[in-house]
Protein backbone atom coordinates (compact mmCIF):
# COMPACT_ATOMS: atom_id res chain seq x y z
CA MET A 1 5.01 45.60 5.70
CA ASP A 2 3.14 43.25 3.36
CA THR A 3 0.92 40.91 5.41
CA SER A 4 -0.88 39.26 2.52
CA ASP A 5 1.16 36.06 2.92
CA GLN A 6 0.35 35.88 6.64
CA ASN A 7 -3.39 36.19 6.06
CA SER A 8 -3.72 33.89 3.05
CA LYS A 9 -4.97 30.34 3.53
CA PRO A 10 -2.57 27.54 2.61
CA CYS A 11 -3.55 25.54 -0.44
CA ASP A 12 -5.37 22.33 0.27
CA VAL A 13 -2.94 19.48 -0.03
CA GLU A 14 -4.23 16.12 -1.24
CA LYS A 15 -4.41 13.65 1.66
CA VAL A 16 -3.44 10.03 1.02
CA ALA A 17 -3.78 6.82 2.98
CA ILE A 18 -1.41 4.01 1.96
CA PHE A 19 -1.92 0.29 2.53
CA VAL A 20 0.76 -2.20 1.43
CA ASP A 21 0.24 -5.96 1.21
CA VAL A 22 3.93 -6.79 1.79
CA GLN A 23 3.69 -10.51 1.05
CA ASN A 24 1.81 -9.96 -2.21
CA VAL A 25 4.19 -7.33 -3.56
CA TYR A 26 7.23 -9.36 -2.48
CA TYR A 27 6.15 -12.56 -4.21
CA THR A 28 4.76 -10.95 -7.38
CA ALA A 29 7.88 -8.79 -7.91
CA ARG A 30 10.20 -11.75 -7.25
CA GLN A 31 8.24 -14.06 -9.54
CA THR A 32 7.96 -11.60 -12.42
CA PHE A 33 11.18 -9.58 -12.22
CA ARG A 34 13.45 -11.62 -9.93
CA CYS A 35 14.05 -8.56 -7.79
CA ASN A 36 12.46 -6.65 -4.93
CA PHE A 37 10.01 -3.79 -4.70
CA ASP A 38 11.71 -0.47 -3.96
CA TYR A 39 9.79 0.98 -1.03
CA ASN A 40 11.81 4.22 -1.04
CA ALA A 41 11.06 4.87 -4.72
CA PHE A 42 7.41 4.00 -4.15
CA TRP A 43 7.15 6.33 -1.14
CA SER A 44 8.75 9.17 -3.08
CA ARG A 45 6.38 8.71 -6.02
CA ALA A 46 3.18 8.05 -4.05
CA THR A 47 3.61 10.90 -1.56
CA GLN A 48 5.07 13.65 -3.75
CA GLY A 49 3.11 16.83 -3.10
CA ARG A 50 0.69 14.96 -0.84
CA GLN A 51 0.05 14.71 2.88
CA VAL A 52 0.15 11.18 4.27
CA THR A 53 -2.64 10.57 6.77
CA THR A 54 -1.91 6.88 7.25
CA ALA A 55 0.69 4.48 5.85
CA ILE A 56 0.55 0.87 6.93
CA ALA A 57 2.60 -2.07 5.70
CA TYR A 58 1.13 -5.48 6.53
CA ALA A 59 3.62 -8.32 6.94
CA ILE A 60 4.04 -11.79 8.34
CA ASP A 61 6.40 -12.20 11.29
CA ARG A 62 8.59 -15.28 11.20
CA GLY A 63 10.89 -13.92 13.90
CA ASP A 64 13.85 -13.81 11.55
CA PRO A 65 16.53 -11.09 12.05
CA LYS A 66 16.57 -10.09 8.35
CA GLN A 67 12.81 -9.59 8.47
CA ARG A 68 13.13 -7.43 11.58
CA GLU A 69 15.74 -5.33 9.79
CA PHE A 70 13.41 -4.94 6.79
CA GLN A 71 10.52 -3.98 9.09
CA ASN A 72 12.72 -1.30 10.69
CA ILE A 73 13.53 0.06 7.23
CA LEU A 74 9.80 0.31 6.51
CA ARG A 75 9.30 2.18 9.79
CA ALA A 76 12.15 4.57 8.94
CA ILE A 77 10.51 5.34 5.58
CA GLY A 78 7.28 6.29 7.36
CA PHE A 79 5.17 3.14 7.53
CA GLU A 80 3.45 1.71 10.55
CA VAL A 81 4.20 -2.01 10.34
CA LYS A 82 1.49 -4.44 11.34
CA LEU A 83 2.61 -8.00 11.90
CA LYS A 84 0.75 -11.27 12.01
CA PRO A 85 2.47 -14.46 13.12
CA TYR A 86 3.39 -17.01 10.49
CA ILE A 87 1.33 -20.14 11.05
CA GLN A 88 2.49 -23.48 9.68
CA ARG A 89 -0.40 -25.94 9.61
CA SER A 90 0.05 -29.65 10.32
CA ASP A 91 -0.79 -30.45 6.67
CA GLY A 92 2.21 -28.37 5.53
CA SER A 93 0.21 -25.38 4.31
CA ALA A 94 0.79 -21.94 5.76
CA LYS A 95 -1.48 -19.12 6.87
CA GLY A 96 -0.56 -15.48 6.99
CA ASP A 97 -3.12 -13.41 5.15
CA TRP A 98 -3.90 -9.76 5.92
CA ASP A 99 -6.90 -9.26 3.58
CA VAL A 100 -9.44 -8.63 6.33
CA GLY A 101 -7.09 -6.37 8.31
CA ILE A 102 -6.22 -4.30 5.25
CA THR A 103 -9.91 -3.99 4.37
CA ILE A 104 -10.94 -2.85 7.85
CA ASP A 105 -8.11 -0.31 8.05
CA ALA A 106 -8.73 1.03 4.53
CA LEU A 107 -12.43 1.55 5.31
CA GLU A 108 -11.62 3.24 8.62
CA TYR A 109 -8.54 5.33 7.81
CA GLY A 110 -9.46 5.91 4.18
CA ARG A 111 -12.37 8.11 5.24
CA VAL A 112 -10.09 11.04 6.09
CA ALA A 113 -8.04 10.74 2.89
CA ASP A 114 -8.80 12.08 -0.57
CA THR A 115 -6.92 9.21 -2.19
CA VAL A 116 -6.44 5.66 -0.97
CA ILE A 117 -3.39 3.83 -2.27
CA LEU A 118 -3.36 0.04 -2.23
CA VAL A 119 -0.24 -1.92 -3.09
CA SER A 120 -1.42 -5.42 -3.99
CA GLY A 121 -2.47 -7.46 -6.96
CA ASP A 122 -4.95 -9.57 -5.00
CA GLY A 123 -8.32 -9.68 -6.75
CA ASP A 124 -10.10 -10.08 -3.42
CA PHE A 125 -9.58 -6.34 -2.95
CA ASP A 126 -11.78 -5.38 -5.92
CA LEU A 127 -14.81 -5.23 -3.57
CA LEU A 128 -12.92 -2.92 -1.20
CA VAL A 129 -11.76 -0.67 -4.04
CA ASN A 130 -15.30 -0.42 -5.46
CA LYS A 131 -16.70 0.40 -1.99
CA LEU A 132 -14.11 3.14 -1.44
CA ARG A 133 -14.76 4.64 -4.87
CA CYS A 134 -18.52 4.30 -5.18
CA ASP A 135 -19.75 4.64 -1.60
CA TYR A 136 -17.06 6.88 -0.10
CA GLY A 137 -16.17 8.90 -3.21
CA LYS A 138 -12.44 8.20 -2.89
CA VAL A 139 -9.86 8.10 -5.62
CA VAL A 140 -8.19 4.70 -5.35
CA GLU A 141 -4.76 4.07 -6.82
CA VAL A 142 -3.65 0.48 -7.07
CA TYR A 143 0.02 -0.39 -7.51
CA GLY A 144 0.67 -3.94 -8.67
CA VAL A 145 2.75 -6.14 -10.92
CA ARG A 146 0.62 -6.00 -14.07
CA ALA A 147 1.09 -9.66 -15.09
CA LEU A 148 0.02 -10.87 -11.65
CA THR A 149 -2.63 -8.30 -10.74
CA ALA A 150 -6.25 -9.42 -11.03
CA GLY A 151 -8.08 -7.80 -13.93
CA THR A 152 -11.04 -7.10 -11.66
CA LEU A 153 -8.77 -5.11 -9.33
CA ILE A 154 -7.28 -3.11 -12.20
CA SER A 155 -10.80 -2.36 -13.48
CA ALA A 156 -12.05 -1.33 -10.05
CA ALA A 157 -9.21 1.16 -9.45
CA SER A 158 -9.44 4.84 -10.31
CA ARG A 159 -5.83 4.52 -11.44
CA PHE A 160 -3.65 1.45 -11.86
CA ILE A 161 0.08 2.08 -11.58
CA PRO A 162 2.17 -0.88 -12.72
CA ILE A 163 5.14 -1.87 -10.63
CA ASP A 164 7.97 -1.87 -13.11
CA ASN A 165 11.60 -0.81 -13.49
CA GLU A 166 11.42 2.50 -11.60
CA LEU A 167 9.80 0.82 -8.60
CA LEU A 168 12.18 -2.13 -8.40
CA LEU A 169 15.53 -2.63 -6.70
CA ARG A 170 18.06 -3.82 -9.23
């Protein structure tokens, strides 16, 4: 009986941590392409041949049934969904930003990953991406709508993957 397969070590699989700024990707895809981001296509592409250590989608909760349905779809794909309440200010402006939460989680959970994937075009994340790359030695992939992704974020990333036709629901 050949036991070489039983005694051999499995190949190291690249570990990835995924962080999705749901509001950013929703609005940038709608504004640029007039359609929605395809989370299933993204998941398939981003995780192929990789082990997911963490996958978090950050969204705003307005308590609307369609949003709850969407959040359940994200959970079924494999995301943990973190929600923050939608806050309408008295002056008419709204608040519902996850930048600090995404940053804290990426610094914490990104430590155990080889590659950190950020889905956002928000230039505020260039500091986070630089920290992950330079101080933690991580590969950082940024997915964003090219026309609406900050140049500083694209420059900071190890790899920039534009959200285009294959990552959109038509």
